[in-house]
């Protein structure tokens, strides 16, 4: 079992920045990939970013590309999401996820609230 704890959320004005962290504990930490997702009230959960743990390759949807950056710290078993140029439409609960394979996310954190005011 893997436990994921997100932190770093909060309230920020449009144009501002936040850095989210996701710390993993539990079983031997060896993901294939780690991802960030977000869910706004009344909407479906959406993919935000992912990183392949072995080589650090990353992928983003167009909605955040150029504004968000996912990174990792192997020694701390932690993944980060740097969010710049935030917009009100980025407001959501952000959750990290741990994938054992390229195809699924097997463990999820509880999420951290990000609110961007206009």
N, C-alpha and C. Protein backbone atom coordinates (compact mmCIF):
# COMPACT_ATOMS: atom_id res chain seq x y z
N UNK A 1 0.84 -1.19 0.00
CA UNK A 1 0.00 0.00 0.00
C UNK A 1 0.87 1.25 0.00
N UNK A 2 0.44 2.25 -0.75
CA UNK A 2 1.14 3.52 -0.84
C UNK A 2 0.21 4.62 -0.33
N UNK A 3 0.73 5.46 0.52
CA UNK A 3 -0.02 6.63 0.97
C UNK A 3 0.55 7.88 0.30
N UNK A 4 -0.33 8.72 -0.19
CA UNK A 4 0.07 9.95 -0.86
C UNK A 4 -0.55 11.12 -0.13
N UNK A 5 0.28 12.07 0.23
CA UNK A 5 -0.18 13.25 0.96
C UNK A 5 0.18 14.50 0.16
N UNK A 6 -0.85 15.22 -0.28
CA UNK A 6 -0.64 16.47 -1.01
C UNK A 6 -0.59 17.64 -0.05
N UNK A 7 0.13 18.67 -0.44
CA UNK A 7 0.18 19.92 0.31
C UNK A 7 0.50 21.05 -0.63
N UNK A 8 0.33 22.26 -0.14
CA UNK A 8 0.70 23.43 -0.92
C UNK A 8 -0.44 24.18 -1.56
N UNK A 9 -1.65 23.67 -1.41
CA UNK A 9 -2.78 24.38 -1.97
C UNK A 9 -3.09 25.65 -1.19
N UNK A 10 -4.00 26.44 -1.74
CA UNK A 10 -4.38 27.67 -1.07
C UNK A 10 -5.11 28.60 -1.99
N UNK A 11 -5.22 29.85 -1.53
CA UNK A 11 -5.90 30.89 -2.28
C UNK A 11 -4.86 31.81 -2.90
N UNK A 12 -4.99 32.09 -4.18
CA UNK A 12 -4.04 32.95 -4.87
C UNK A 12 -4.80 33.79 -5.89
N UNK A 13 -4.28 34.96 -6.17
CA UNK A 13 -4.90 35.81 -7.18
C UNK A 13 -4.51 35.35 -8.58
N UNK A 14 -5.35 35.67 -9.52
CA UNK A 14 -5.05 35.34 -10.91
C UNK A 14 -3.70 35.93 -11.30
N UNK A 15 -2.92 35.12 -12.01
CA UNK A 15 -1.58 35.52 -12.39
C UNK A 15 -0.51 35.06 -11.42
N UNK A 16 -0.94 34.59 -10.25
CA UNK A 16 -0.01 34.15 -9.24
C UNK A 16 0.47 32.73 -9.45
N UNK A 17 1.24 32.25 -8.47
CA UNK A 17 1.85 30.92 -8.55
C UNK A 17 1.64 30.14 -7.26
N UNK A 18 1.63 28.84 -7.40
CA UNK A 18 1.63 27.92 -6.26
C UNK A 18 2.47 26.71 -6.62
N UNK A 19 3.05 26.09 -5.61
CA UNK A 19 3.73 24.82 -5.83
C UNK A 19 3.11 23.77 -4.93
N UNK A 20 2.59 22.74 -5.55
CA UNK A 20 2.01 21.61 -4.82
C UNK A 20 3.06 20.52 -4.63
N UNK A 21 2.95 19.83 -3.52
CA UNK A 21 3.83 18.70 -3.25
C UNK A 21 2.99 17.46 -2.98
N UNK A 22 3.55 16.32 -3.32
CA UNK A 22 2.89 15.04 -3.05
C UNK A 22 3.96 14.10 -2.52
N UNK A 23 3.86 13.79 -1.25
CA UNK A 23 4.84 12.91 -0.61
C UNK A 23 4.26 11.51 -0.47
N UNK A 24 5.06 10.54 -0.82
CA UNK A 24 4.63 9.15 -0.77
C UNK A 24 5.28 8.42 0.39
N UNK A 25 4.53 7.50 0.97
CA UNK A 25 5.06 6.64 2.03
C UNK A 25 4.40 5.29 1.92
N UNK A 26 4.95 4.33 2.64
CA UNK A 26 4.35 3.01 2.63
C UNK A 26 5.29 2.00 1.99
N UNK A 27 4.76 1.28 1.03
CA UNK A 27 5.55 0.23 0.40
C UNK A 27 6.76 0.82 -0.30
N UNK A 28 7.67 -0.02 -0.72
CA UNK A 28 8.85 0.43 -1.46
C UNK A 28 8.41 1.32 -2.61
N UNK A 29 8.96 2.52 -2.64
CA UNK A 29 8.52 3.49 -3.62
C UNK A 29 9.15 3.19 -4.96
N UNK A 30 8.35 2.74 -5.90
CA UNK A 30 8.85 2.40 -7.22
C UNK A 30 7.75 2.54 -8.26
N UNK A 31 7.31 3.77 -8.47
CA UNK A 31 6.25 3.94 -9.45
C UNK A 31 6.77 3.86 -10.87
N UNK A 32 5.92 3.53 -11.79
CA UNK A 32 6.26 3.72 -13.19
C UNK A 32 6.05 5.19 -13.55
N UNK A 33 4.95 5.73 -13.07
CA UNK A 33 4.70 7.14 -13.31
C UNK A 33 3.91 7.75 -12.14
N UNK A 34 3.99 9.06 -12.05
CA UNK A 34 3.21 9.83 -11.09
C UNK A 34 2.45 10.89 -11.87
N UNK A 35 1.25 11.18 -11.41
CA UNK A 35 0.43 12.15 -12.12
C UNK A 35 -0.28 13.10 -11.18
N UNK A 36 -0.70 14.21 -11.75
CA UNK A 36 -1.55 15.17 -11.05
C UNK A 36 -2.87 15.28 -11.83
N UNK A 37 -3.94 15.35 -11.08
CA UNK A 37 -5.28 15.51 -11.64
C UNK A 37 -5.98 16.62 -10.86
N UNK A 38 -7.05 17.14 -11.43
CA UNK A 38 -7.84 18.14 -10.72
C UNK A 38 -9.31 17.92 -10.99
N UNK A 39 -10.11 18.34 -10.02
CA UNK A 39 -11.56 18.21 -10.15
C UNK A 39 -12.21 19.46 -9.58
N UNK A 40 -12.91 20.16 -10.44
CA UNK A 40 -13.67 21.33 -10.03
C UNK A 40 -15.06 20.89 -9.59
N UNK A 41 -15.74 21.71 -8.77
CA UNK A 41 -17.08 21.33 -8.29
C UNK A 41 -18.03 21.05 -9.44
N UNK A 42 -18.69 19.91 -9.39
CA UNK A 42 -19.68 19.55 -10.39
C UNK A 42 -19.10 19.11 -11.72
N UNK A 43 -17.78 18.94 -11.78
CA UNK A 43 -17.14 18.56 -13.04
C UNK A 43 -16.36 17.27 -12.87
N UNK A 44 -16.03 16.67 -14.01
CA UNK A 44 -15.24 15.44 -13.99
C UNK A 44 -13.78 15.73 -13.63
N UNK A 45 -13.15 14.71 -13.09
CA UNK A 45 -11.72 14.83 -12.82
C UNK A 45 -10.96 14.88 -14.14
N UNK A 46 -9.96 15.76 -14.19
CA UNK A 46 -9.19 15.93 -15.42
C UNK A 46 -7.71 15.77 -15.16
N UNK A 47 -7.03 15.23 -16.14
CA UNK A 47 -5.60 15.04 -16.10
C UNK A 47 -4.89 16.39 -16.22
N UNK A 48 -3.83 16.58 -15.43
CA UNK A 48 -3.09 17.84 -15.43
C UNK A 48 -1.64 17.65 -15.86
N UNK A 49 -1.00 16.60 -15.37
CA UNK A 49 0.41 16.40 -15.70
C UNK A 49 0.82 15.00 -15.27
N UNK A 50 1.86 14.48 -15.91
CA UNK A 50 2.42 13.20 -15.47
C UNK A 50 3.92 13.20 -15.72
N UNK A 51 4.61 12.37 -14.93
CA UNK A 51 6.05 12.21 -15.08
C UNK A 51 6.39 10.73 -14.97
N UNK A 52 7.20 10.27 -15.89
CA UNK A 52 7.70 8.90 -15.85
C UNK A 52 8.89 8.87 -14.91
N UNK A 53 8.80 7.99 -13.92
CA UNK A 53 9.79 8.08 -12.85
C UNK A 53 11.20 7.72 -13.32
N UNK A 54 11.33 6.79 -14.22
CA UNK A 54 12.67 6.31 -14.59
C UNK A 54 13.47 7.34 -15.36
N UNK A 55 12.82 8.06 -16.27
CA UNK A 55 13.59 8.97 -17.11
C UNK A 55 13.17 10.43 -16.99
N UNK A 56 12.15 10.70 -16.17
CA UNK A 56 11.72 12.07 -15.95
C UNK A 56 10.95 12.70 -17.09
N UNK A 57 10.56 11.91 -18.07
CA UNK A 57 9.80 12.50 -19.17
C UNK A 57 8.43 12.94 -18.67
N UNK A 58 7.94 14.02 -19.25
CA UNK A 58 6.70 14.64 -18.76
C UNK A 58 5.70 14.81 -19.90
N UNK A 59 4.45 15.00 -19.50
CA UNK A 59 3.39 15.22 -20.48
C UNK A 59 2.32 16.08 -19.83
N UNK A 60 1.79 17.03 -20.64
CA UNK A 60 0.77 17.95 -20.14
C UNK A 60 -0.33 18.11 -21.19
N UNK A 61 -1.55 18.36 -20.76
CA UNK A 61 -2.58 18.73 -21.72
C UNK A 61 -2.39 20.19 -22.12
N UNK A 62 -2.99 20.57 -23.21
CA UNK A 62 -2.83 21.93 -23.73
C UNK A 62 -3.30 22.99 -22.72
N UNK A 63 -4.25 22.63 -21.88
CA UNK A 63 -4.82 23.61 -20.95
C UNK A 63 -3.82 24.15 -19.94
N UNK A 64 -2.76 23.39 -19.67
CA UNK A 64 -1.77 23.84 -18.67
C UNK A 64 -0.36 23.91 -19.24
N UNK A 65 -0.17 23.47 -20.46
CA UNK A 65 1.17 23.43 -21.05
C UNK A 65 1.76 24.83 -21.09
N UNK A 66 2.99 24.94 -20.63
CA UNK A 66 3.67 26.22 -20.59
C UNK A 66 3.45 26.98 -19.29
N UNK A 67 2.48 26.57 -18.50
CA UNK A 67 2.21 27.23 -17.21
C UNK A 67 2.53 26.31 -16.03
N UNK A 68 2.29 25.02 -16.18
CA UNK A 68 2.52 24.06 -15.10
C UNK A 68 3.75 23.22 -15.41
N UNK A 69 4.47 22.85 -14.35
CA UNK A 69 5.64 21.99 -14.49
C UNK A 69 5.62 20.94 -13.40
N UNK A 70 5.71 19.70 -13.81
CA UNK A 70 5.79 18.60 -12.86
C UNK A 70 7.25 18.20 -12.72
N UNK A 71 7.65 17.89 -11.49
CA UNK A 71 9.03 17.46 -11.24
C UNK A 71 9.03 16.47 -10.09
N UNK A 72 10.20 15.89 -9.84
CA UNK A 72 10.27 14.84 -8.82
C UNK A 72 11.56 14.96 -8.04
N UNK A 73 11.51 14.41 -6.85
CA UNK A 73 12.70 14.27 -6.01
C UNK A 73 12.76 12.81 -5.59
N UNK A 74 13.66 12.08 -6.22
CA UNK A 74 13.75 10.65 -5.96
C UNK A 74 14.05 10.36 -4.49
N UNK A 75 14.96 11.11 -3.93
CA UNK A 75 15.39 10.85 -2.55
C UNK A 75 14.26 11.06 -1.55
N UNK A 76 13.35 11.97 -1.86
CA UNK A 76 12.26 12.28 -0.95
C UNK A 76 10.96 11.57 -1.33
N UNK A 77 10.99 10.79 -2.40
CA UNK A 77 9.77 10.12 -2.88
C UNK A 77 8.63 11.13 -3.01
N UNK A 78 8.94 12.24 -3.63
CA UNK A 78 8.00 13.36 -3.70
C UNK A 78 7.92 13.86 -5.14
N UNK A 79 6.71 14.21 -5.53
CA UNK A 79 6.49 14.83 -6.82
C UNK A 79 5.89 16.21 -6.59
N UNK A 80 6.25 17.14 -7.45
CA UNK A 80 5.82 18.52 -7.31
C UNK A 80 5.03 18.96 -8.54
N UNK A 81 4.22 19.98 -8.33
CA UNK A 81 3.54 20.63 -9.45
C UNK A 81 3.69 22.14 -9.25
N UNK A 82 4.54 22.74 -10.07
CA UNK A 82 4.70 24.19 -10.05
C UNK A 82 3.67 24.78 -10.99
N UNK A 83 2.84 25.67 -10.46
CA UNK A 83 1.76 26.26 -11.25
C UNK A 83 1.97 27.77 -11.32
N UNK A 84 2.17 28.26 -12.52
CA UNK A 84 2.38 29.69 -12.75
C UNK A 84 1.24 30.26 -13.59
N UNK A 85 1.15 31.57 -13.59
CA UNK A 85 0.13 32.26 -14.39
C UNK A 85 -1.24 31.66 -14.16
N UNK A 86 -1.58 31.48 -12.91
CA UNK A 86 -2.84 30.81 -12.58
C UNK A 86 -4.04 31.63 -13.01
N UNK A 87 -5.08 30.91 -13.40
CA UNK A 87 -6.32 31.51 -13.88
C UNK A 87 -7.47 31.05 -12.97
N UNK A 88 -8.55 31.80 -12.92
CA UNK A 88 -9.70 31.36 -12.11
C UNK A 88 -10.19 29.96 -12.50
N UNK A 89 -10.08 29.61 -13.77
CA UNK A 89 -10.53 28.29 -14.21
C UNK A 89 -9.61 27.16 -13.76
N UNK A 90 -8.49 27.49 -13.13
CA UNK A 90 -7.63 26.46 -12.54
C UNK A 90 -8.12 26.06 -11.15
N UNK A 91 -9.11 26.74 -10.63
CA UNK A 91 -9.65 26.42 -9.32
C UNK A 91 -10.21 25.00 -9.30
N UNK A 92 -9.73 24.20 -8.34
CA UNK A 92 -10.13 22.80 -8.25
C UNK A 92 -9.44 22.16 -7.06
N UNK A 93 -9.84 20.94 -6.77
CA UNK A 93 -9.08 20.09 -5.86
C UNK A 93 -8.07 19.32 -6.69
N UNK A 94 -6.81 19.45 -6.30
CA UNK A 94 -5.73 18.80 -7.04
C UNK A 94 -5.27 17.56 -6.27
N UNK A 95 -5.20 16.46 -7.00
CA UNK A 95 -4.80 15.19 -6.40
C UNK A 95 -3.63 14.59 -7.16
N UNK A 96 -2.76 13.91 -6.42
CA UNK A 96 -1.70 13.19 -7.10
C UNK A 96 -2.04 11.70 -7.13
N UNK A 97 -1.40 11.01 -8.05
CA UNK A 97 -1.68 9.60 -8.25
C UNK A 97 -0.40 8.86 -8.59
N UNK A 98 -0.38 7.61 -8.22
CA UNK A 98 0.80 6.74 -8.35
C UNK A 98 0.44 5.58 -9.26
N UNK A 99 1.21 5.40 -10.30
CA UNK A 99 0.93 4.32 -11.23
C UNK A 99 2.01 3.27 -11.23
N UNK A 100 1.62 2.02 -11.10
CA UNK A 100 2.58 0.92 -11.15
C UNK A 100 2.93 0.54 -12.58
N UNK A 101 2.06 0.89 -13.51
CA UNK A 101 2.28 0.59 -14.91
C UNK A 101 2.01 1.85 -15.74
N UNK A 102 2.31 1.82 -17.03
CA UNK A 102 2.00 2.99 -17.87
C UNK A 102 0.51 3.22 -18.09
N UNK A 103 -0.32 2.26 -17.68
CA UNK A 103 -1.71 2.28 -18.11
C UNK A 103 -2.71 2.66 -17.03
N UNK A 104 -2.32 2.57 -15.78
CA UNK A 104 -3.27 2.83 -14.71
C UNK A 104 -2.61 3.60 -13.58
N UNK A 105 -3.46 4.30 -12.82
CA UNK A 105 -3.04 4.90 -11.57
C UNK A 105 -3.65 4.07 -10.44
N UNK A 106 -2.79 3.58 -9.57
CA UNK A 106 -3.23 2.59 -8.60
C UNK A 106 -3.50 3.17 -7.21
N UNK A 107 -2.88 4.26 -6.89
CA UNK A 107 -3.06 4.89 -5.58
C UNK A 107 -3.29 6.39 -5.78
N UNK A 108 -4.16 6.93 -4.91
CA UNK A 108 -4.54 8.34 -5.04
C UNK A 108 -4.43 9.04 -3.69
N UNK A 109 -4.07 10.31 -3.73
CA UNK A 109 -4.10 11.12 -2.54
C UNK A 109 -5.48 11.71 -2.32
N UNK A 110 -5.64 12.38 -1.18
CA UNK A 110 -6.94 12.96 -0.83
C UNK A 110 -7.19 14.29 -1.52
N UNK A 111 -6.14 14.94 -1.92
CA UNK A 111 -6.29 16.19 -2.66
C UNK A 111 -6.03 17.42 -1.81
N UNK A 112 -5.72 18.52 -2.50
CA UNK A 112 -5.52 19.81 -1.86
C UNK A 112 -6.25 20.86 -2.70
N UNK A 113 -6.91 21.78 -2.01
CA UNK A 113 -7.72 22.78 -2.70
C UNK A 113 -6.88 23.92 -3.22
N UNK A 114 -7.09 24.25 -4.47
CA UNK A 114 -6.48 25.44 -5.08
C UNK A 114 -7.60 26.35 -5.53
N UNK A 115 -7.58 27.58 -5.05
CA UNK A 115 -8.59 28.56 -5.42
C UNK A 115 -7.89 29.78 -6.00
N UNK A 116 -8.28 30.15 -7.22
CA UNK A 116 -7.69 31.30 -7.90
C UNK A 116 -8.77 32.37 -8.03
N UNK A 117 -8.53 33.50 -7.42
CA UNK A 117 -9.51 34.59 -7.47
C UNK A 117 -9.22 35.51 -8.65
N UNK A 118 -10.28 36.07 -9.18
CA UNK A 118 -10.15 36.95 -10.35
C UNK A 118 -9.57 38.31 -9.97
